[in-house]
Amino acid sequence: MNGFSALFGNRYSLRRNLVVNIILALSFCIALATVILVREFYEHLRENVEDALVQEAQELAGQIDPAAASFGLNPDALRFRGAEGTYRYTVFGDDLEVLLGGEATGDITAQLATFAPGATHPVSLADGRIGMAQLVRVDQQDFYVLVSSFPAGSDETRLQALMHEVTEEFQWVLVGIAAILLAALLATRRALRPLNIISQQAHNVGPGAASRRLETSHLPTEIVPLVDAVNGAFDRLEKGYRSQRDFSSNVAHEVRTPLAVLRSSIELIEDPDLKAGLKQDVGRLDQLFEQLIDLSRAEALGTASFENVSLCDIAVMLASDMASQAVRKGKTLAVTGAEQSSAKGHSGLLSIALGNLVRNALTYSPKGSSIEIEVLANPAGWKVHDHGPGVPDAQKTALFERFHRGAASDQNAPGTGIGLAIVQSVAEAHGAQVRIEDRPEGGSIFVFEFGH
């Protein structure tokens, strides 16, 4: 079924609709041509038979001799007896009595009585046969000469011969059907090629290449209005994206200065308890601000900025940067796993995502425990092992939502509630997945895994 869909497209795809419509149109044309050919065949067949009958009637009329025995004709000849043969001949006298042959009925004589001398006239016969009759005058005596086609079913008709020939050449009919199907597929692929091109162009449009637009120079005119409308939507999205980016830049400029001034003012406070509390609050505010900026960057990330990065190098560098922080908290930090592992992505944001996972593990692991960054190679990614209290199954998905900080017992722990949301956004931008697994020895394993 997958192979059929790959060749003809999905059920509601434009490719399948085009193929079906082309096949239906060609089938209709073939059926119409067949009907026309059959009709023409019958017409030409009747015309040929009538012409042959006229020639036979004229030849027979030329052989009549009233003074000779049997009028100069052989009554025992096959053509007069009519049991076999191509034609059946009958000769009538001027009183419409049968002189030779046996093709005589009341209907036939009634038709002959209306004929004029010299001309040849068609005669209606039973069983779909054809007859031609001529009234001739020889030595002042009238004779009616009737030549009719062979009795029905006595021999193979030309139509039967034609059908027999078609049956013998049936393999060529199959070749014709295959050729029609191939032509439909090729025509469909050629017709859809411009759509495939603009689909690839649309795939390349993103925050990293917001100014790119879909080209319309080689598109069918019927699709150009739709693509123009899509380009207009891209223009509006780019404008909104640039406004958001400018706003973030302005916020970064406006907020950092007051925070620095506030931090300097706190240093002048003499009360040590008040001073420590205010510094902690400012630190949390600064962390929240930085993480909001990181979250915005992650959501606006485009694949145009991706490159091959070493997951091992990111893990080692991050462990080196955060080692002193782990020591201050009485914990250790280690890197294990594969020595070679790489993926396509943005190294800066990947480092931020892994840093948030490690920071989360340092926060909730008990003093004296070890946090392990395991590098994965197949599939590529990381696992961060901690010795914390673990995460209930009901919370494993909700933890990656913005400002969700787990159970009520954890609300007093330091953090902003968006660190794991940043991890989720970075993973989505890279086509990766994040999940939480239970550690058999107790604690949790946070998995950041790229697609296979």
Protein backbone atom coordinates (compact mmCIF):
# COMPACT_ATOMS: atom_id res chain seq x y z
CA MET A 1 0.00 0.00 0.00
CA ASN A 2 2.89 2.35 0.77
CA GLY A 3 4.37 1.69 -2.66
CA PHE A 4 1.02 2.40 -4.29
CA SER A 5 0.72 5.69 -2.37
CA ALA A 6 4.28 6.64 -3.32
CA LEU A 7 3.47 6.08 -6.99
CA PHE A 8 -0.06 7.46 -7.21
CA GLY A 9 -0.18 9.73 -4.13
CA ASN A 10 -2.46 9.62 -1.11
CA ARG A 11 -6.22 9.25 -1.33
CA TYR A 12 -6.98 12.96 -1.46
CA SER A 13 -3.73 14.09 -3.08
CA LEU A 14 -3.63 16.23 -6.20
CA ARG A 15 -1.39 13.66 -7.87
CA ARG A 16 -3.93 10.86 -7.52
CA ASN A 17 -6.75 13.14 -8.67
CA LEU A 18 -4.78 14.13 -11.77
CA VAL A 19 -3.88 10.52 -12.59
CA VAL A 20 -7.47 9.36 -12.16
CA ASN A 21 -8.85 12.25 -14.21
CA ILE A 22 -6.33 11.68 -17.01
CA ILE A 23 -7.13 7.95 -17.09
CA LEU A 24 -10.87 8.65 -17.10
CA ALA A 25 -10.48 11.18 -19.92
CA LEU A 26 -8.34 8.80 -21.98
CA SER A 27 -10.73 5.92 -21.28
CA PHE A 28 -13.66 8.03 -22.44
CA CYS A 29 -11.76 8.95 -25.61
CA ILE A 30 -10.92 5.30 -26.25
CA ALA A 31 -14.54 4.24 -25.68
CA LEU A 32 -15.81 7.00 -27.97
CA ALA A 33 -13.25 6.09 -30.64
CA THR A 34 -14.28 2.43 -30.35
CA VAL A 35 -17.94 3.29 -30.82
CA ILE A 36 -17.13 5.45 -33.84
CA LEU A 37 -14.89 2.77 -35.36
CA VAL A 38 -17.51 0.06 -34.87
CA ARG A 39 -20.17 2.27 -36.44
CA GLU A 40 -17.89 3.12 -39.34
CA PHE A 41 -17.06 -0.55 -39.69
CA TYR A 42 -20.73 -1.48 -40.01
CA GLU A 43 -21.37 1.30 -42.50
CA HIS A 44 -18.41 0.38 -44.68
CA LEU A 45 -19.25 -3.30 -44.38
CA ARG A 46 -22.81 -2.70 -45.64
CA GLU A 47 -21.57 -0.40 -48.39
CA ASN A 48 -19.03 -2.97 -49.56
CA VAL A 49 -21.58 -5.75 -49.51
CA GLU A 50 -24.13 -3.63 -51.40
CA ASP A 51 -21.53 -2.72 -54.02
CA ALA A 52 -20.62 -6.38 -54.44
CA LEU A 53 -24.31 -7.35 -54.72
CA VAL A 54 -24.88 -4.66 -57.37
CA GLN A 55 -21.98 -5.99 -59.43
CA GLU A 56 -23.27 -9.56 -59.10
CA ALA A 57 -26.80 -8.49 -60.12
CA GLN A 58 -25.50 -6.63 -63.18
CA GLU A 59 -23.29 -9.59 -64.16
CA LEU A 60 -26.19 -12.04 -63.76
CA ALA A 61 -28.54 -9.78 -65.76
CA GLY A 62 -26.04 -9.67 -68.59
CA GLN A 63 -26.03 -13.49 -68.82
CA ILE A 64 -29.84 -13.87 -69.33
CA ASP A 65 -30.85 -15.26 -72.73
CA PRO A 66 -34.63 -15.77 -73.13
CA ALA A 67 -34.11 -18.04 -76.16
CA ALA A 68 -31.77 -20.46 -74.38
CA ALA A 69 -32.68 -23.28 -72.05
CA SER A 70 -33.10 -22.08 -68.44
CA PHE A 71 -32.57 -18.57 -69.89
CA GLY A 72 -28.89 -19.36 -70.40
CA LEU A 73 -28.32 -19.97 -66.69
CA ASN A 74 -27.46 -23.20 -64.85
CA PRO A 75 -30.24 -23.90 -62.32
CA ASP A 76 -28.10 -26.55 -60.64
CA ALA A 77 -25.34 -24.07 -59.86
CA LEU A 78 -24.52 -23.52 -56.19
CA ARG A 79 -25.44 -19.86 -56.38
CA PHE A 80 -29.02 -20.70 -57.35
CA ARG A 81 -29.47 -23.53 -54.87
CA GLY A 82 -28.22 -21.25 -52.05
CA ALA A 83 -27.29 -23.94 -49.55
CA GLU A 84 -23.73 -22.66 -49.29
CA GLY A 85 -21.67 -19.88 -50.78
CA THR A 86 -21.25 -16.14 -50.50
CA TYR A 87 -24.43 -15.05 -52.36
CA ARG A 88 -27.87 -16.43 -53.18
CA TYR A 89 -29.35 -15.63 -56.64
CA THR A 90 -33.00 -15.56 -57.70
CA VAL A 91 -34.50 -14.66 -61.12
CA PHE A 92 -38.15 -13.59 -61.44
CA GLY A 93 -40.24 -13.26 -64.61
CA ASP A 94 -42.26 -10.22 -65.58
CA ASP A 95 -45.23 -11.63 -63.65
CA LEU A 96 -42.93 -11.94 -60.56
CA GLU A 97 -42.95 -15.73 -60.75
CA VAL A 98 -39.69 -17.44 -59.69
CA LEU A 99 -37.79 -18.73 -62.72
CA LEU A 100 -34.55 -19.77 -60.99
CA GLY A 101 -33.50 -19.87 -57.34
CA GLY A 102 -35.50 -19.97 -54.12
CA GLU A 103 -35.31 -16.53 -52.47
CA ALA A 104 -39.02 -15.69 -52.83
CA THR A 105 -41.55 -14.40 -50.32
CA GLY A 106 -44.61 -12.20 -50.57
CA ASP A 107 -42.69 -9.33 -49.02
CA ILE A 108 -39.94 -9.60 -51.63
CA THR A 109 -42.32 -9.65 -54.61
CA ALA A 110 -44.22 -6.69 -53.19
CA GLN A 111 -40.96 -4.70 -53.15
CA LEU A 112 -39.95 -5.82 -56.66
CA ALA A 113 -43.27 -4.66 -58.09
CA THR A 114 -42.37 -1.06 -57.29
CA PHE A 115 -39.00 -1.02 -59.08
CA ALA A 116 -38.31 0.92 -62.26
CA PRO A 117 -36.35 -0.66 -65.13
CA GLY A 118 -32.58 -0.23 -65.27
CA ALA A 119 -31.80 0.92 -61.74
CA THR A 120 -30.62 -1.33 -58.91
CA HIS A 121 -32.65 -1.13 -55.68
CA PRO A 122 -32.07 -2.51 -52.16
CA VAL A 123 -34.41 -5.21 -50.93
CA SER A 124 -35.22 -5.80 -47.27
CA LEU A 125 -34.68 -9.43 -46.22
CA ALA A 126 -35.16 -11.40 -43.04
CA ASP A 127 -32.37 -12.27 -40.55
CA GLY A 128 -30.53 -8.98 -41.16
CA ARG A 129 -29.31 -10.00 -44.61
CA ILE A 130 -28.80 -7.59 -47.51
CA GLY A 131 -30.33 -7.86 -50.99
CA MET A 132 -30.03 -5.87 -54.22
CA ALA A 133 -32.45 -6.29 -57.17
CA GLN A 134 -32.49 -5.00 -60.75
CA LEU A 135 -35.26 -4.94 -63.33
CA VAL A 136 -33.86 -5.61 -66.82
CA ARG A 137 -35.55 -5.97 -70.22
CA VAL A 138 -34.13 -8.57 -72.59
CA ASP A 139 -35.78 -9.12 -76.03
CA GLN A 140 -38.92 -7.28 -75.01
CA GLN A 141 -39.21 -9.41 -71.87
CA ASP A 142 -38.79 -8.18 -68.25
CA PHE A 143 -36.71 -10.05 -65.71
CA TYR A 144 -36.11 -9.28 -62.03
CA VAL A 145 -32.66 -10.29 -60.80
CA LEU A 146 -32.23 -10.56 -56.99
CA VAL A 147 -28.84 -11.13 -55.38
CA SER A 148 -28.85 -11.53 -51.59
CA SER A 149 -26.11 -12.06 -49.01
CA PHE A 150 -25.51 -15.49 -47.52
CA PRO A 151 -27.97 -16.81 -44.93
CA ALA A 152 -27.23 -15.69 -41.39
CA GLY A 153 -24.93 -18.05 -39.49
CA SER A 154 -23.74 -19.98 -42.50
CA ASP A 155 -20.25 -18.47 -42.34
CA GLU A 156 -18.06 -16.24 -40.23
CA THR A 157 -18.92 -12.59 -40.72
CA ARG A 158 -16.35 -9.88 -41.17
CA LEU A 159 -17.22 -8.48 -37.73
CA GLN A 160 -16.50 -11.84 -36.16
CA ALA A 161 -13.22 -11.94 -38.00
CA LEU A 162 -12.41 -8.50 -36.69
CA MET A 163 -13.21 -9.51 -33.10
CA HIS A 164 -11.13 -12.64 -33.55
CA GLU A 165 -8.22 -10.49 -34.64
CA VAL A 166 -8.65 -8.19 -31.63
CA THR A 167 -8.69 -11.22 -29.33
CA GLU A 168 -5.46 -12.50 -30.83
CA GLU A 169 -3.86 -9.08 -30.33
CA PHE A 170 -5.09 -8.69 -26.75
CA GLN A 171 -1.52 -8.35 -25.46
CA TRP A 172 -1.23 -5.14 -27.47
CA VAL A 173 -4.35 -3.88 -25.72
CA LEU A 174 -2.58 -4.43 -22.41
CA VAL A 175 0.47 -2.60 -23.72
CA GLY A 176 -1.79 0.28 -24.70
CA ILE A 177 -3.32 0.40 -21.21
CA ALA A 178 0.15 0.40 -19.65
CA ALA A 179 1.22 3.18 -22.00
CA ILE A 180 -1.81 5.26 -21.00
CA LEU A 181 -1.05 4.73 -17.30
CA LEU A 182 2.61 5.66 -17.79
CA ALA A 183 1.63 8.76 -19.75
CA ALA A 184 -0.74 9.76 -16.94
CA LEU A 185 1.98 9.35 -14.31
CA LEU A 186 4.53 11.30 -16.34
CA ALA A 187 2.05 14.05 -17.10
CA THR A 188 1.09 14.28 -13.43
CA ARG A 189 4.70 14.41 -12.28
CA ARG A 190 5.49 17.10 -14.81
CA ALA A 191 2.41 19.10 -13.79
CA LEU A 192 3.26 18.86 -10.09
CA ARG A 193 6.96 19.71 -10.46
CA PRO A 194 6.38 23.46 -9.89
CA LEU A 195 4.45 22.65 -6.69
CA ASN A 196 7.33 20.52 -5.42
CA ILE A 197 9.73 23.39 -6.08
CA ILE A 198 7.69 25.97 -4.16
CA SER A 199 7.14 23.41 -1.36
CA GLN A 200 10.90 23.23 -0.92
CA GLN A 201 11.12 27.02 -1.04
CA ALA A 202 8.42 27.29 1.63
CA HIS A 203 10.34 24.78 3.77
CA ASN A 204 13.38 27.07 3.70
CA VAL A 205 11.43 30.09 4.96
CA GLY A 206 11.93 30.62 8.68
CA PRO A 207 13.18 33.00 11.35
CA GLY A 208 16.71 32.58 10.05
CA ALA A 209 15.59 33.38 6.49
CA ALA A 210 12.47 35.44 7.04
CA SER A 211 12.95 37.52 3.88
CA ARG A 212 12.73 34.56 1.49
CA ARG A 213 9.63 34.30 -0.67
CA LEU A 214 8.09 31.79 -3.05
CA GLU A 215 8.87 32.33 -6.72
CA THR A 216 5.99 32.53 -9.19
CA SER A 217 7.85 32.79 -12.51
CA HIS A 218 7.46 29.10 -13.43
CA LEU A 219 4.11 28.39 -11.79
CA PRO A 220 0.82 27.71 -13.59
CA THR A 221 -1.25 30.89 -13.76
CA GLU A 222 -4.05 29.27 -11.74
CA ILE A 223 -1.74 28.82 -8.73
CA VAL A 224 -0.08 32.24 -8.84
CA PRO A 225 -2.86 34.03 -6.85
CA LEU A 226 -2.57 31.44 -4.06
CA VAL A 227 1.23 31.79 -3.90
CA ASP A 228 0.94 35.58 -3.92
CA ALA A 229 -1.43 35.33 -0.96
CA VAL A 230 1.05 33.06 0.86
CA ASN A 231 3.88 35.53 0.18
CA GLY A 232 1.69 38.26 1.61
CA ALA A 233 1.18 36.17 4.75
CA PHE A 234 4.96 35.71 4.98
CA ASP A 235 5.40 39.48 4.73
CA ARG A 236 3.03 40.03 7.64
CA LEU A 237 4.69 37.29 9.69
CA GLU A 238 8.14 38.74 9.02
CA LYS A 239 6.93 42.16 10.13
CA GLY A 240 5.53 40.70 13.34
CA TYR A 241 8.67 38.65 13.94
CA ARG A 242 10.93 41.69 13.50
CA SER A 243 8.71 43.71 15.84
CA GLN A 244 8.95 40.98 18.47
CA ARG A 245 12.72 40.72 18.06
CA ASP A 246 13.10 44.49 18.34
CA PHE A 247 10.93 44.47 21.44
CA SER A 248 13.09 41.76 23.04
CA SER A 249 16.22 43.74 22.22
CA ASN A 250 14.74 46.90 23.74
CA VAL A 251 13.65 45.01 26.86
CA ALA A 252 17.14 43.57 27.23
CA HIS A 253 18.61 47.05 27.06
CA GLU A 254 16.07 48.67 29.37
CA VAL A 255 16.00 45.98 32.07
CA ARG A 256 19.68 45.18 32.49
CA THR A 257 20.57 48.73 33.50
CA PRO A 258 17.97 49.01 36.32
CA LEU A 259 18.99 45.58 37.58
CA ALA A 260 22.62 46.67 37.75
CA VAL A 261 21.66 49.85 39.60
CA LEU A 262 19.45 47.85 41.99
CA ARG A 263 22.26 45.37 42.65
CA SER A 264 24.65 48.24 43.46
CA SER A 265 22.10 49.82 45.79
CA ILE A 266 21.62 46.56 47.67
CA GLU A 267 25.32 46.47 48.44
CA LEU A 268 24.86 49.66 50.51
CA ILE A 269 22.33 48.04 52.87
CA GLU A 270 23.85 47.33 56.32
CA ASP A 271 21.33 44.71 57.50
CA PRO A 272 22.92 41.41 56.39
CA ASP A 273 19.69 39.37 56.43
CA LEU A 274 17.80 41.98 54.38
CA LYS A 275 20.77 42.36 52.05
CA ALA A 276 21.01 38.59 51.45
CA GLY A 277 17.28 38.28 50.77
CA LEU A 278 17.24 41.18 48.32
CA LYS A 279 20.29 39.85 46.47
CA GLN A 280 18.59 36.48 46.16
CA ASP A 281 15.44 38.11 44.78
CA VAL A 282 17.43 40.17 42.27
CA GLY A 283 19.32 37.03 41.25
CA ARG A 284 16.07 35.18 40.62
CA LEU A 285 14.74 38.16 38.66
CA ASP A 286 17.91 38.25 36.56
CA GLN A 287 17.68 34.50 35.96
CA LEU A 288 14.02 34.80 34.94
CA PHE A 289 14.88 37.58 32.52
CA GLU A 290 17.73 35.61 30.94
CA GLN A 291 15.57 32.50 30.59
CA LEU A 292 12.76 34.44 28.97
CA ILE A 293 15.23 35.70 26.38
CA ASP A 294 16.50 32.12 25.87
CA LEU A 295 12.94 30.87 25.47
CA SER A 296 12.23 33.53 22.85
CA ARG A 297 15.40 32.59 20.95
CA ALA A 298 14.50 28.90 21.06
CA GLU A 299 10.99 29.49 19.71
CA ALA A 300 12.33 31.68 16.89
CA LEU A 301 15.09 29.25 15.93
CA GLY A 302 15.31 28.40 12.23
CA THR A 303 17.06 25.47 10.58
CA ALA A 304 19.10 27.82 8.39
CA SER A 305 21.47 28.40 11.33
CA PHE A 306 22.03 24.67 11.97
CA GLU A 307 25.40 23.00 11.57
CA ASN A 308 27.04 19.77 12.66
CA VAL A 309 27.88 20.00 16.37
CA SER A 310 29.63 17.60 18.71
CA LEU A 311 27.36 16.58 21.58
CA CYS A 312 30.40 15.26 23.44
CA ASP A 313 32.14 18.65 23.29
CA ILE A 314 29.00 20.45 24.47
CA ALA A 315 28.64 18.06 27.43
CA VAL A 316 32.33 18.34 28.44
CA MET A 317 32.42 22.14 28.16
CA LEU A 318 29.19 22.48 30.13
CA ALA A 319 30.46 20.15 32.85
CA SER A 320 33.66 22.20 33.10
CA ASP A 321 31.71 25.47 33.39
CA MET A 322 29.31 24.13 36.02
CA ALA A 323 31.82 22.07 38.03
CA SER A 324 32.51 24.88 40.51
CA GLN A 325 28.77 25.41 41.02
CA ALA A 326 28.34 21.69 41.74
CA VAL A 327 31.24 21.73 44.24
CA ARG A 328 29.75 24.70 46.11
CA LYS A 329 26.55 22.69 46.54
CA GLY A 330 28.47 19.64 47.75
CA LYS A 331 27.79 17.58 44.65
CA THR A 332 29.82 16.13 41.79
CA LEU A 333 29.33 16.30 38.03
CA ALA A 334 30.54 13.66 35.55
CA VAL A 335 30.36 13.01 31.80
CA THR A 336 30.02 9.39 30.58
CA GLY A 337 28.82 7.51 27.52
CA ALA A 338 29.86 7.72 23.88
CA GLU A 339 33.12 9.46 23.00
CA GLN A 340 31.86 10.45 19.54
CA SER A 341 28.35 11.77 18.94
CA SER A 342 27.16 14.55 16.68
CA ALA A 343 23.93 16.09 15.43
CA LYS A 344 22.79 18.97 13.25
CA GLY A 345 21.70 21.97 15.28
CA HIS A 346 22.49 25.25 17.02
CA SER A 347 25.34 24.70 19.50
CA GLY A 348 24.50 27.72 21.66
CA LEU A 349 20.88 26.79 22.31
CA LEU A 350 21.72 23.10 22.69
CA SER A 351 24.19 24.08 25.41
CA ILE A 352 21.50 26.18 27.11
CA ALA A 353 19.05 23.25 27.00
CA LEU A 354 21.56 20.79 28.47
CA GLY A 355 22.58 23.40 31.06
CA ASN A 356 18.98 23.72 32.21
CA LEU A 357 18.72 19.96 32.63
CA VAL A 358 21.94 19.85 34.66
CA ARG A 359 20.93 22.90 36.72
CA ASN A 360 17.61 21.21 37.48
CA ALA A 361 19.44 18.05 38.60
CA LEU A 362 21.82 20.07 40.84
CA THR A 363 18.86 21.82 42.43
CA TYR A 364 16.88 18.71 43.40
CA SER A 365 19.66 16.16 44.09
CA PRO A 366 20.73 15.77 47.73
CA LYS A 367 24.10 16.94 49.00
CA GLY A 368 26.90 14.44 48.42
CA SER A 369 25.25 12.91 45.32
CA SER A 370 26.59 12.79 41.78
CA ILE A 371 24.95 14.12 38.61
CA GLU A 372 25.87 12.20 35.46
CA ILE A 373 25.68 13.51 31.86
CA GLU A 374 25.53 10.45 29.61
CA VAL A 375 26.30 11.11 25.92
CA LEU A 376 24.20 9.03 23.50
CA ALA A 377 25.35 8.03 20.02
CA ASN A 378 22.53 5.97 18.49
CA PRO A 379 20.28 7.82 18.54
CA ALA A 380 22.28 10.93 19.39
CA GLY A 381 21.44 12.88 22.51
CA TRP A 382 22.02 13.11 26.26
CA LYS A 383 20.74 11.59 29.46
CA VAL A 384 21.05 13.51 32.71
CA HIS A 385 20.94 11.18 35.76
CA ASP A 386 20.15 12.61 39.20
CA HIS A 387 19.47 11.30 42.70
CA GLY A 388 16.53 13.58 43.42
CA PRO A 389 13.10 12.65 44.75
CA GLY A 390 11.89 11.52 41.33
CA VAL A 391 8.97 12.77 39.29
CA PRO A 392 5.46 11.27 39.56
CA ASP A 393 4.07 9.93 36.29
CA ALA A 394 1.29 12.54 36.33
CA GLN A 395 3.92 15.34 36.39
CA LYS A 396 6.34 14.02 33.74
CA THR A 397 4.68 15.85 30.87
CA ALA A 398 3.44 18.91 32.75
CA LEU A 399 6.96 19.78 33.96
CA PHE A 400 7.87 20.96 30.47
CA GLU A 401 5.08 23.53 30.46
CA ARG A 402 5.87 27.17 31.19
CA PHE A 403 5.95 28.22 34.84
CA HIS A 404 5.09 24.71 36.03
CA ARG A 405 7.27 23.74 39.00
CA GLY A 406 5.93 20.37 39.98
CA ALA A 407 4.27 19.39 43.23
CA ALA A 408 3.46 21.87 45.96
CA SER A 409 6.28 20.56 48.14
CA ASP A 410 8.78 21.83 45.59
CA GLN A 411 7.44 25.38 45.28
CA ASN A 412 10.05 26.75 47.72
CA ALA A 413 12.93 25.39 45.65
CA PRO A 414 14.87 27.99 43.65
CA GLY A 415 13.90 28.35 40.01
CA THR A 416 11.60 30.21 37.64
CA GLY A 417 9.48 27.39 36.22
CA ILE A 418 10.53 27.94 32.59
CA GLY A 419 13.89 26.14 32.47
CA LEU A 420 12.34 22.88 31.23
CA ALA A 421 10.05 24.83 28.88
CA ILE A 422 13.21 26.17 27.24
CA VAL A 423 14.49 22.59 26.91
CA GLN A 424 11.20 21.59 25.27
CA SER A 425 11.34 24.51 22.79
CA VAL A 426 14.96 23.78 21.84
CA ALA A 427 14.09 20.10 21.32
CA GLU A 428 11.12 20.93 19.10
CA ALA A 429 13.25 23.30 17.02
CA HIS A 430 15.77 20.48 16.47
CA GLY A 431 13.21 17.75 15.79
CA ALA A 432 14.25 16.07 19.05
CA GLN A 433 12.26 14.69 21.97
CA VAL A 434 12.56 15.16 25.72
CA ARG A 435 11.14 12.86 28.35
CA ILE A 436 11.59 11.84 31.95
CA GLU A 437 12.39 8.28 32.98
CA ASP A 438 12.61 6.73 36.43
CA ARG A 439 16.10 5.85 37.66
CA PRO A 440 16.19 2.29 39.05
CA GLU A 441 18.39 3.34 42.00
CA GLY A 442 16.12 6.27 42.77
CA GLY A 443 15.86 9.68 41.17
CA SER A 444 15.13 10.60 37.56
CA ILE A 445 16.70 10.48 34.10
CA PHE A 446 16.02 13.48 31.82
CA VAL A 447 16.43 12.35 28.19
CA PHE A 448 17.14 14.72 25.28
CA GLU A 449 17.10 12.55 22.16
CA PHE A 450 17.39 13.49 18.48
CA GLY A 451 15.29 11.76 15.83
CA HIS A 452 16.46 8.48 14.32
